[in-house]
Amino acid sequence: MELKNYMEEVVLGKLDAVLSKYPGCCTCEQCRRDIASLALNHLPPLYISSSKGNVYARIAEMSTQYEVEVIQAIARAVESVSKHPRHEADDGISE
């Protein structure tokens, strides 16, 4: 049986929409991973099995119950990573 933290998909699915609200934020792969990781560390995990019915049930639950919390966690992570990026200023930053 395969287990997956569905919260990862939710965060990654909303990441671009939240990043678009922060035009000065670096969107390089390092910063994107850091933002997603930081947001996930502040959200409860939601493990699911690979069963199709279970996945669809979790998708419906996630879209209503956690959407605001996920967006807030990503926004806080964007602000934190923007203040303290883990790369040099000229290290492939894309805006």
PDB file of N, CA and C in Angstrom:
ATOM      1  N   MET A   1       0.846  -1.190   0.000  1.00  0.00           N
ATOM      2  CA  MET A   1       0.000   0.000   0.000  1.00  0.00           C
ATOM      3  C   MET A   1       0.881   1.239   0.000  1.00  0.00           C
ATOM      4  N   GLU A   2       0.555   2.163  -0.846  1.00  0.00           N
ATOM      5  CA  GLU A   2       1.295   3.413  -0.944  1.00  0.00           C
ATOM      6  C   GLU A   2       0.634   4.458  -0.055  1.00  0.00           C
ATOM      7  N   LEU A   3       1.446   5.154   0.726  1.00  0.00           N
ATOM      8  CA  LEU A   3       0.947   6.255   1.544  1.00  0.00           C
ATOM      9  C   LEU A   3       1.476   7.558   0.991  1.00  0.00           C
ATOM     10  N   LYS A   4       0.666   8.600   1.097  1.00  0.00           N
ATOM     11  CA  LYS A   4       1.068   9.899   0.579  1.00  0.00           C
ATOM     12  C   LYS A   4       0.510  10.983   1.492  1.00  0.00           C
ATOM     13  N   ASN A   5       1.322  12.003   1.714  1.00  0.00           N
ATOM     14  CA  ASN A   5       0.847  13.165   2.445  1.00  0.00           C
ATOM     15  C   ASN A   5       0.148  14.068   1.432  1.00  0.00           C
ATOM     16  N   TYR A   6      -1.174  14.010   1.403  1.00  0.00           N
ATOM     17  CA  TYR A   6      -1.940  14.775   0.421  1.00  0.00           C
ATOM     18  C   TYR A   6      -1.745  16.280   0.587  1.00  0.00           C
ATOM     19  N   MET A   7      -1.361  16.709   1.781  1.00  0.00           N
ATOM     20  CA  MET A   7      -1.149  18.134   2.025  1.00  0.00           C
ATOM     21  C   MET A   7      -0.060  18.683   1.084  1.00  0.00           C
ATOM     22  N   GLU A   8       0.901  17.840   0.694  1.00  0.00           N
ATOM     23  CA  GLU A   8       1.930  18.286  -0.253  1.00  0.00           C
ATOM     24  C   GLU A   8       1.299  18.723  -1.564  1.00  0.00           C
ATOM     25  N   GLU A   9       0.366  17.940  -2.079  1.00  0.00           N
ATOM     26  CA  GLU A   9      -0.298  18.299  -3.326  1.00  0.00           C
ATOM     27  C   GLU A   9      -1.092  19.587  -3.186  1.00  0.00           C
ATOM     28  N   VAL A  10      -1.735  19.754  -2.043  1.00  0.00           N
ATOM     29  CA  VAL A  10      -2.543  20.954  -1.814  1.00  0.00           C
ATOM     30  C   VAL A  10      -1.651  22.187  -1.806  1.00  0.00           C
ATOM     31  N   VAL A  11      -0.541  22.119  -1.060  1.00  0.00           N
ATOM     32  CA  VAL A  11       0.377  23.262  -0.975  1.00  0.00           C
ATOM     33  C   VAL A  11       0.977  23.566  -2.343  1.00  0.00           C
ATOM     34  N   LEU A  12       1.470  22.553  -3.022  1.00  0.00           N
ATOM     35  CA  LEU A  12       2.081  22.779  -4.334  1.00  0.00           C
ATOM     36  C   LEU A  12       1.048  23.286  -5.342  1.00  0.00           C
ATOM     37  N   GLY A  13      -0.189  22.861  -5.197  1.00  0.00           N
ATOM     38  CA  GLY A  13      -1.250  23.309  -6.091  1.00  0.00           C
ATOM     39  C   GLY A  13      -1.631  24.774  -5.900  1.00  0.00           C
ATOM     40  N   LYS A  14      -1.410  25.295  -4.710  1.00  0.00           N
ATOM     41  CA  LYS A  14      -1.769  26.688  -4.405  1.00  0.00           C
ATOM     42  C   LYS A  14      -0.554  27.615  -4.403  1.00  0.00           C
ATOM     43  N   LEU A  15       0.626  27.061  -4.513  1.00  0.00           N
ATOM     44  CA  LEU A  15       1.847  27.852  -4.391  1.00  0.00           C
ATOM     45  C   LEU A  15       1.928  28.983  -5.415  1.00  0.00           C
ATOM     46  N   ASP A  16       1.689  28.709  -6.673  1.00  0.00           N
ATOM     47  CA  ASP A  16       1.802  29.746  -7.707  1.00  0.00           C
ATOM     48  C   ASP A  16       0.795  30.873  -7.501  1.00  0.00           C
ATOM     49  N   ALA A  17      -0.411  30.525  -7.089  1.00  0.00           N
ATOM     50  CA  ALA A  17      -1.437  31.557  -6.866  1.00  0.00           C
ATOM     51  C   ALA A  17      -1.016  32.491  -5.735  1.00  0.00           C
ATOM     52  N   VAL A  18      -0.462  31.941  -4.670  1.00  0.00           N
ATOM     53  CA  VAL A  18      -0.020  32.783  -3.557  1.00  0.00           C
ATOM     54  C   VAL A  18       1.206  33.584  -3.966  1.00  0.00           C
ATOM     55  N   LEU A  19       2.155  32.951  -4.643  1.00  0.00           N
ATOM     56  CA  LEU A  19       3.358  33.664  -5.088  1.00  0.00           C
ATOM     57  C   LEU A  19       3.017  34.837  -6.003  1.00  0.00           C
ATOM     58  N   SER A  20       1.958  34.724  -6.776  1.00  0.00           N
ATOM     59  CA  SER A  20       1.588  35.816  -7.681  1.00  0.00           C
ATOM     60  C   SER A  20       1.187  37.077  -6.920  1.00  0.00           C
ATOM     61  N   LYS A  21       0.852  36.943  -5.658  1.00  0.00           N
ATOM     62  CA  LYS A  21       0.482  38.095  -4.820  1.00  0.00           C
ATOM     63  C   LYS A  21       1.716  38.782  -4.231  1.00  0.00           C
ATOM     64  N   TYR A  22       2.893  38.193  -4.450  1.00  0.00           N
ATOM     65  CA  TYR A  22       4.159  38.728  -3.929  1.00  0.00           C
ATOM     66  C   TYR A  22       5.131  38.917  -5.094  1.00  0.00           C
ATOM     67  N   PRO A  23       4.947  39.982  -5.884  1.00  0.00           N
ATOM     68  CA  PRO A  23       5.753  40.149  -7.094  1.00  0.00           C
ATOM     69  C   PRO A  23       7.255  40.291  -6.841  1.00  0.00           C
ATOM     70  N   GLY A  24       7.675  40.710  -5.677  1.00  0.00           N
ATOM     71  CA  GLY A  24       9.098  40.850  -5.401  1.00  0.00           C
ATOM     72  C   GLY A  24       9.750  39.594  -4.860  1.00  0.00           C
ATOM     73  N   CYS A  25       8.975  38.558  -4.673  1.00  0.00           N
ATOM     74  CA  CYS A  25       9.483  37.313  -4.099  1.00  0.00           C
ATOM     75  C   CYS A  25      10.241  36.505  -5.147  1.00  0.00           C
ATOM     76  N   CYS A  26      11.369  35.969  -4.737  1.00  0.00           N
ATOM     77  CA  CYS A  26      12.142  35.097  -5.621  1.00  0.00           C
ATOM     78  C   CYS A  26      11.353  33.809  -5.861  1.00  0.00           C
ATOM     79  N   THR A  27      11.342  33.352  -7.092  1.00  0.00           N
ATOM     80  CA  THR A  27      10.624  32.125  -7.431  1.00  0.00           C
ATOM     81  C   THR A  27      11.560  31.044  -7.972  1.00  0.00           C
ATOM     82  N   CYS A  28      12.841  31.140  -7.620  1.00  0.00           N
ATOM     83  CA  CYS A  28      13.768  30.091  -8.040  1.00  0.00           C
ATOM     84  C   CYS A  28      13.368  28.782  -7.358  1.00  0.00           C
ATOM     85  N   GLU A  29      13.874  27.669  -7.847  1.00  0.00           N
ATOM     86  CA  GLU A  29      13.492  26.361  -7.304  1.00  0.00           C
ATOM     87  C   GLU A  29      13.848  26.229  -5.828  1.00  0.00           C
ATOM     88  N   GLN A  30      14.988  26.759  -5.408  1.00  0.00           N
ATOM     89  CA  GLN A  30      15.378  26.684  -4.000  1.00  0.00           C
ATOM     90  C   GLN A  30      14.349  27.402  -3.121  1.00  0.00           C
ATOM     91  N   CYS A  31      13.972  28.616  -3.495  1.00  0.00           N
ATOM     92  CA  CYS A  31      13.000  29.379  -2.706  1.00  0.00           C
ATOM     93  C   CYS A  31      11.627  28.718  -2.733  1.00  0.00           C
ATOM     94  N   ARG A  32      11.228  28.191  -3.889  1.00  0.00           N
ATOM     95  CA  ARG A  32       9.941  27.497  -3.976  1.00  0.00           C
ATOM     96  C   ARG A  32       9.910  26.286  -3.051  1.00  0.00           C
ATOM     97  N   ARG A  33      10.996  25.504  -3.046  1.00  0.00           N
ATOM     98  CA  ARG A  33      11.066  24.346  -2.144  1.00  0.00           C
ATOM     99  C   ARG A  33      11.054  24.781  -0.689  1.00  0.00           C
ATOM    100  N   ASP A  34      11.796  25.853  -0.375  1.00  0.00           N
ATOM    101  CA  ASP A  34      11.833  26.350   1.001  1.00  0.00           C
ATOM    102  C   ASP A  34      10.457  26.839   1.457  1.00  0.00           C
ATOM    103  N   ILE A  35       9.763  27.538   0.585  1.00  0.00           N
ATOM    104  CA  ILE A  35       8.425  28.035   0.914  1.00  0.00           C
ATOM    105  C   ILE A  35       7.474  26.860   1.145  1.00  0.00           C
ATOM    106  N   ALA A  36       7.487  25.902   0.234  1.00  0.00           N
ATOM    107  CA  ALA A  36       6.599  24.742   0.377  1.00  0.00           C
ATOM    108  C   ALA A  36       6.934  23.963   1.648  1.00  0.00           C
ATOM    109  N   SER A  37       8.213  23.750   1.909  1.00  0.00           N
ATOM    110  CA  SER A  37       8.621  23.004   3.102  1.00  0.00           C
ATOM    111  C   SER A  37       8.198  23.714   4.377  1.00  0.00           C
ATOM    112  N   LEU A  38       8.426  25.006   4.427  1.00  0.00           N
ATOM    113  CA  LEU A  38       8.068  25.773   5.616  1.00  0.00           C
ATOM    114  C   LEU A  38       6.552  25.765   5.827  1.00  0.00           C
ATOM    115  N   ALA A  39       5.791  25.939   4.767  1.00  0.00           N
ATOM    116  CA  ALA A  39       4.333  25.898   4.888  1.00  0.00           C
ATOM    117  C   ALA A  39       3.879  24.519   5.372  1.00  0.00           C
ATOM    118  N   LEU A  40       4.434  23.459   4.795  1.00  0.00           N
ATOM    119  CA  LEU A  40       4.055  22.105   5.199  1.00  0.00           C
ATOM    120  C   LEU A  40       4.407  21.814   6.654  1.00  0.00           C
ATOM    121  N   ASN A  41       5.493  22.392   7.134  1.00  0.00           N
ATOM    122  CA  ASN A  41       5.874  22.188   8.531  1.00  0.00           C
ATOM    123  C   ASN A  41       4.905  22.856   9.494  1.00  0.00           C
ATOM    124  N   HIS A  42       4.084  23.771   8.993  1.00  0.00           N
ATOM    125  CA  HIS A  42       3.119  24.459   9.844  1.00  0.00           C
ATOM    126  C   HIS A  42       1.679  24.012   9.590  1.00  0.00           C
ATOM    127  N   LEU A  43       1.522  22.984   8.796  1.00  0.00           N
ATOM    128  CA  LEU A  43       0.192  22.436   8.502  1.00  0.00           C
ATOM    129  C   LEU A  43       0.138  20.980   8.967  1.00  0.00           C
ATOM    130  N   PRO A  44      -1.040  20.514   9.355  1.00  0.00           N
ATOM    131  CA  PRO A  44      -1.134  19.109   9.749  1.00  0.00           C
ATOM    132  C   PRO A  44      -0.999  18.207   8.527  1.00  0.00           C
ATOM    133  N   PRO A  45      -0.273  17.105   8.656  1.00  0.00           N
ATOM    134  CA  PRO A  45      -0.186  16.177   7.526  1.00  0.00           C
ATOM    135  C   PRO A  45      -1.532  15.506   7.300  1.00  0.00           C
ATOM    136  N   LEU A  46      -1.765  15.101   6.087  1.00  0.00           N
ATOM    137  CA  LEU A  46      -2.988  14.379   5.765  1.00  0.00           C
ATOM    138  C   LEU A  46      -2.598  13.191   4.893  1.00  0.00           C
ATOM    139  N   TYR A  47      -2.301  12.083   5.552  1.00  0.00           N
ATOM    140  CA  TYR A  47      -1.864  10.892   4.825  1.00  0.00           C
ATOM    141  C   TYR A  47      -3.054  10.135   4.282  1.00  0.00           C
ATOM    142  N   ILE A  48      -2.900   9.696   3.051  1.00  0.00           N
ATOM    143  CA  ILE A  48      -3.933   8.916   2.394  1.00  0.00           C
ATOM    144  C   ILE A  48      -3.281   7.728   1.718  1.00  0.00           C
ATOM    145  N   SER A  49      -4.075   6.729   1.419  1.00  0.00           N
ATOM    146  CA  SER A  49      -3.568   5.607   0.637  1.00  0.00           C
ATOM    147  C   SER A  49      -3.819   5.908  -0.833  1.00  0.00           C
ATOM    148  N   SER A  50      -3.343   5.079  -1.691  1.00  0.00           N
ATOM    149  CA  SER A  50      -3.488   5.352  -3.122  1.00  0.00           C
ATOM    150  C   SER A  50      -4.867   4.967  -3.659  1.00  0.00           C
ATOM    151  N   SER A  51      -5.739   4.534  -2.817  1.00  0.00           N
ATOM    152  CA  SER A  51      -7.094   4.173  -3.236  1.00  0.00           C
ATOM    153  C   SER A  51      -7.794   5.372  -3.868  1.00  0.00           C
ATOM    154  N   LYS A  52      -8.347   5.183  -5.034  1.00  0.00           N
ATOM    155  CA  LYS A  52      -8.987   6.271  -5.778  1.00  0.00           C
ATOM    156  C   LYS A  52     -10.116   6.931  -4.998  1.00  0.00           C
ATOM    157  N   GLY A  53     -10.981   6.160  -4.417  1.00  0.00           N
ATOM    158  CA  GLY A  53     -12.099   6.716  -3.662  1.00  0.00           C
ATOM    159  C   GLY A  53     -11.630   7.532  -2.473  1.00  0.00           C
ATOM    160  N   ASN A  54     -10.603   7.068  -1.795  1.00  0.00           N
ATOM    161  CA  ASN A  54     -10.055   7.790  -0.653  1.00  0.00           C
ATOM    162  C   ASN A  54      -9.465   9.125  -1.095  1.00  0.00           C
ATOM    163  N   VAL A  55      -8.784   9.127  -2.215  1.00  0.00           N
ATOM    164  CA  VAL A  55      -8.185  10.353  -2.730  1.00  0.00           C
ATOM    165  C   VAL A  55      -9.273  11.372  -3.055  1.00  0.00           C
ATOM    166  N   TYR A  56     -10.313  10.951  -3.740  1.00  0.00           N
ATOM    167  CA  TYR A  56     -11.383  11.881  -4.086  1.00  0.00           C
ATOM    168  C   TYR A  56     -12.078  12.428  -2.841  1.00  0.00           C
ATOM    169  N   ALA A  57     -12.253  11.603  -1.841  1.00  0.00           N
ATOM    170  CA  ALA A  57     -12.870  12.071  -0.600  1.00  0.00           C
ATOM    171  C   ALA A  57     -11.993  13.118   0.064  1.00  0.00           C
ATOM    172  N   ARG A  58     -10.701  12.903   0.066  1.00  0.00           N
ATOM    173  CA  ARG A  58      -9.779  13.857   0.693  1.00  0.00           C
ATOM    174  C   ARG A  58      -9.716  15.160  -0.093  1.00  0.00           C
ATOM    175  N   ILE A  59      -9.786  15.070  -1.397  1.00  0.00           N
ATOM    176  CA  ILE A  59      -9.761  16.283  -2.221  1.00  0.00           C
ATOM    177  C   ILE A  59     -10.960  17.164  -1.881  1.00  0.00           C
ATOM    178  N   ALA A  60     -12.123  16.564  -1.791  1.00  0.00           N
ATOM    179  CA  ALA A  60     -13.329  17.331  -1.468  1.00  0.00           C
ATOM    180  C   ALA A  60     -13.214  17.943  -0.073  1.00  0.00           C
ATOM    181  N   GLU A  61     -12.700  17.177   0.869  1.00  0.00           N
ATOM    182  CA  GLU A  61     -12.538  17.680   2.235  1.00  0.00           C
ATOM    183  C   GLU A  61     -11.540  18.824   2.276  1.00  0.00           C
ATOM    184  N   MET A  62     -10.445  18.663   1.596  1.00  0.00           N
ATOM    185  CA  MET A  62      -9.385  19.667   1.625  1.00  0.00           C
ATOM    186  C   MET A  62      -9.827  20.975   0.988  1.00  0.00           C
ATOM    187  N   SER A  63     -10.565  20.916  -0.065  1.00  0.00           N
ATOM    188  CA  SER A  63     -10.908  22.147  -0.774  1.00  0.00           C
ATOM    189  C   SER A  63     -11.763  23.075   0.073  1.00  0.00           C
ATOM    190  N   THR A  64     -12.515  22.540   1.003  1.00  0.00           N
ATOM    191  CA  THR A  64     -13.350  23.407   1.829  1.00  0.00           C
ATOM    192  C   THR A  64     -12.776  23.636   3.215  1.00  0.00           C
ATOM    193  N   GLN A  65     -12.284  22.609   3.850  1.00  0.00           N
ATOM    194  CA  GLN A  65     -11.892  22.719   5.252  1.00  0.00           C
ATOM    195  C   GLN A  65     -10.560  23.422   5.468  1.00  0.00           C
ATOM    196  N   TYR A  66      -9.593  23.200   4.617  1.00  0.00           N
ATOM    197  CA  TYR A  66      -8.244  23.681   4.883  1.00  0.00           C
ATOM    198  C   TYR A  66      -7.745  24.785   3.959  1.00  0.00           C
ATOM    199  N   GLU A  67      -8.500  25.175   2.990  1.00  0.00           N
ATOM    200  CA  GLU A  67      -8.008  26.108   1.977  1.00  0.00           C
ATOM    201  C   GLU A  67      -7.452  27.404   2.578  1.00  0.00           C
ATOM    202  N   VAL A  68      -8.181  28.025   3.473  1.00  0.00           N
ATOM    203  CA  VAL A  68      -7.715  29.280   4.073  1.00  0.00           C
ATOM    204  C   VAL A  68      -6.453  29.053   4.886  1.00  0.00           C
ATOM    205  N   GLU A  69      -6.413  27.971   5.668  1.00  0.00           N
ATOM    206  CA  GLU A  69      -5.224  27.675   6.469  1.00  0.00           C
ATOM    207  C   GLU A  69      -4.007  27.427   5.588  1.00  0.00           C
ATOM    208  N   VAL A  70      -4.212  26.729   4.479  1.00  0.00           N
ATOM    209  CA  VAL A  70      -3.106  26.447   3.559  1.00  0.00           C
ATOM    210  C   VAL A  70      -2.588  27.745   2.948  1.00  0.00           C
ATOM    211  N   ILE A  71      -3.476  28.602   2.484  1.00  0.00           N
ATOM    212  CA  ILE A  71      -3.065  29.869   1.879  1.00  0.00           C
ATOM    213  C   ILE A  71      -2.336  30.733   2.904  1.00  0.00           C
ATOM    214  N   GLN A  72      -2.821  30.777   4.135  1.00  0.00           N
ATOM    215  CA  GLN A  72      -2.154  31.557   5.173  1.00  0.00           C
ATOM    216  C   GLN A  72      -0.766  30.996   5.474  1.00  0.00           C
ATOM    217  N   ALA A  73      -0.634  29.684   5.542  1.00  0.00           N
ATOM    218  CA  ALA A  73       0.666  29.072   5.822  1.00  0.00           C
ATOM    219  C   ALA A  73       1.654  29.372   4.694  1.00  0.00           C
ATOM    220  N   ILE A  74       1.193  29.304   3.460  1.00  0.00           N
ATOM    221  CA  ILE A  74       2.066  29.621   2.327  1.00  0.00           C
ATOM    222  C   ILE A  74       2.461  31.091   2.375  1.00  0.00           C
ATOM    223  N   ALA A  75       1.524  31.978   2.640  1.00  0.00           N
ATOM    224  CA  ALA A  75       1.822  33.415   2.691  1.00  0.00           C
ATOM    225  C   ALA A  75       2.859  33.722   3.773  1.00  0.00           C
ATOM    226  N   ARG A  76       2.703  33.109   4.949  1.00  0.00           N
ATOM    227  CA  ARG A  76       3.701  33.315   6.012  1.00  0.00           C
ATOM    228  C   ARG A  76       5.063  32.780   5.593  1.00  0.00           C
ATOM    229  N   ALA A  77       5.072  31.648   4.906  1.00  0.00           N
ATOM    230  CA  ALA A  77       6.327  31.070   4.434  1.00  0.00           C
ATOM    231  C   ALA A  77       6.979  31.958   3.374  1.00  0.00           C
ATOM    232  N   VAL A  78       6.192  32.532   2.488  1.00  0.00           N
ATOM    233  CA  VAL A  78       6.718  33.450   1.471  1.00  0.00           C
ATOM    234  C   VAL A  78       7.402  34.633   2.150  1.00  0.00           C
ATOM    235  N   GLU A  79       6.731  35.208   3.130  1.00  0.00           N
ATOM    236  CA  GLU A  79       7.307  36.360   3.836  1.00  0.00           C
ATOM    237  C   GLU A  79       8.606  35.988   4.542  1.00  0.00           C
ATOM    238  N   SER A  80       8.642  34.832   5.178  1.00  0.00           N
ATOM    239  CA  SER A  80       9.833  34.391   5.892  1.00  0.00           C
ATOM    240  C   SER A  80      10.995  34.108   4.937  1.00  0.00           C
ATOM    241  N   VAL A  81      10.728  33.365   3.881  1.00  0.00           N
ATOM    242  CA  VAL A  81      11.784  33.024   2.917  1.00  0.00           C
ATOM    243  C   VAL A  81      12.261  34.275   2.183  1.00  0.00           C
ATOM    244  N   SER A  82      11.365  35.206   1.901  1.00  0.00           N
ATOM    245  CA  SER A  82      11.760  36.456   1.236  1.00  0.00           C
ATOM    246  C   SER A  82      12.730  37.257   2.105  1.00  0.00           C
ATOM    247  N   LYS A  83      12.518  37.220   3.401  1.00  0.00           N
ATOM    248  CA  LYS A  83      13.413  37.951   4.317  1.00  0.00           C
ATOM    249  C   LYS A  83      14.741  37.241   4.504  1.00  0.00           C
ATOM    250  N   HIS A  84      14.743  35.912   4.391  1.00  0.00           N
ATOM    251  CA  HIS A  84      15.936  35.121   4.662  1.00  0.00           C
ATOM    252  C   HIS A  84      16.137  34.033   3.609  1.00  0.00           C
ATOM    253  N   PRO A  85      16.377  34.424   2.347  1.00  0.00           N
ATOM    254  CA  PRO A  85      16.584  33.392   1.312  1.00  0.00           C
ATOM    255  C   PRO A  85      17.889  32.635   1.579  1.00  0.00           C
ATOM    256  N   ARG A  86      17.946  31.389   1.130  1.00  0.00           N
ATOM    257  CA  ARG A  86      19.139  30.567   1.369  1.00  0.00           C
ATOM    258  C   ARG A  86      20.096  30.581   0.178  1.00  0.00           C
ATOM    259  N   HIS A  87      20.034  31.598  -0.649  1.00  0.00           N
ATOM    260  CA  HIS A  87      20.959  31.703  -1.776  1.00  0.00           C
ATOM    261  C   HIS A  87      21.518  33.119  -1.827  1.00  0.00           C
ATOM    262  N   GLU A  88      22.570  33.276  -2.599  1.00  0.00           N
ATOM    263  CA  GLU A  88      23.170  34.592  -2.784  1.00  0.00           C
ATOM    264  C   GLU A  88      22.264  35.448  -3.659  1.00  0.00           C
ATOM    265  N   ALA A  89      22.396  36.737  -3.554  1.00  0.00           N
ATOM    266  CA  ALA A  89      21.530  37.668  -4.287  1.00  0.00           C
ATOM    267  C   ALA A  89      21.616  37.465  -5.802  1.00  0.00           C
ATOM    268  N   ASP A  90      22.744  37.028  -6.317  1.00  0.00           N
ATOM    269  CA  ASP A  90      22.884  36.849  -7.764  1.00  0.00           C
ATOM    270  C   ASP A  90      22.861  35.372  -8.162  1.00  0.00           C
ATOM    271  N   ASP A  91      22.279  34.509  -7.353  1.00  0.00           N
ATOM    272  CA  ASP A  91      22.321  33.075  -7.569  1.00  0.00           C
ATOM    273  C   ASP A  91      21.072  32.553  -8.258  1.00  0.00           C
ATOM    274  N   GLY A  92      20.777  33.044  -9.436  1.00  0.00           N
ATOM    275  CA  GLY A  92      19.674  32.492 -10.223  1.00  0.00           C
ATOM    276  C   GLY A  92      18.306  32.933  -9.760  1.00  0.00           C
ATOM    277  N   ILE A  93      18.211  34.103  -9.188  1.00  0.00           N
ATOM    278  CA  ILE A  93      16.924  34.585  -8.712  1.00  0.00           C
ATOM    279  C   ILE A  93      16.053  34.949  -9.908  1.00  0.00           C
ATOM    280  N   SER A  94      14.828  34.469  -9.849  1.00  0.00           N
ATOM    281  CA  SER A  94      13.863  34.856 -10.892  1.00  0.00           C
ATOM    282  C   SER A  94      12.677  35.494 -10.205  1.00  0.00           C
ATOM    283  N   GLU A  95      12.166  36.530 -10.791  1.00  0.00           N
ATOM    284  CA  GLU A  95      11.015  37.224 -10.199  1.00  0.00           C
ATOM    285  C   GLU A  95       9.845  37.193 -11.133  1.00  0.00           C
TER     286      GLU A  95
END
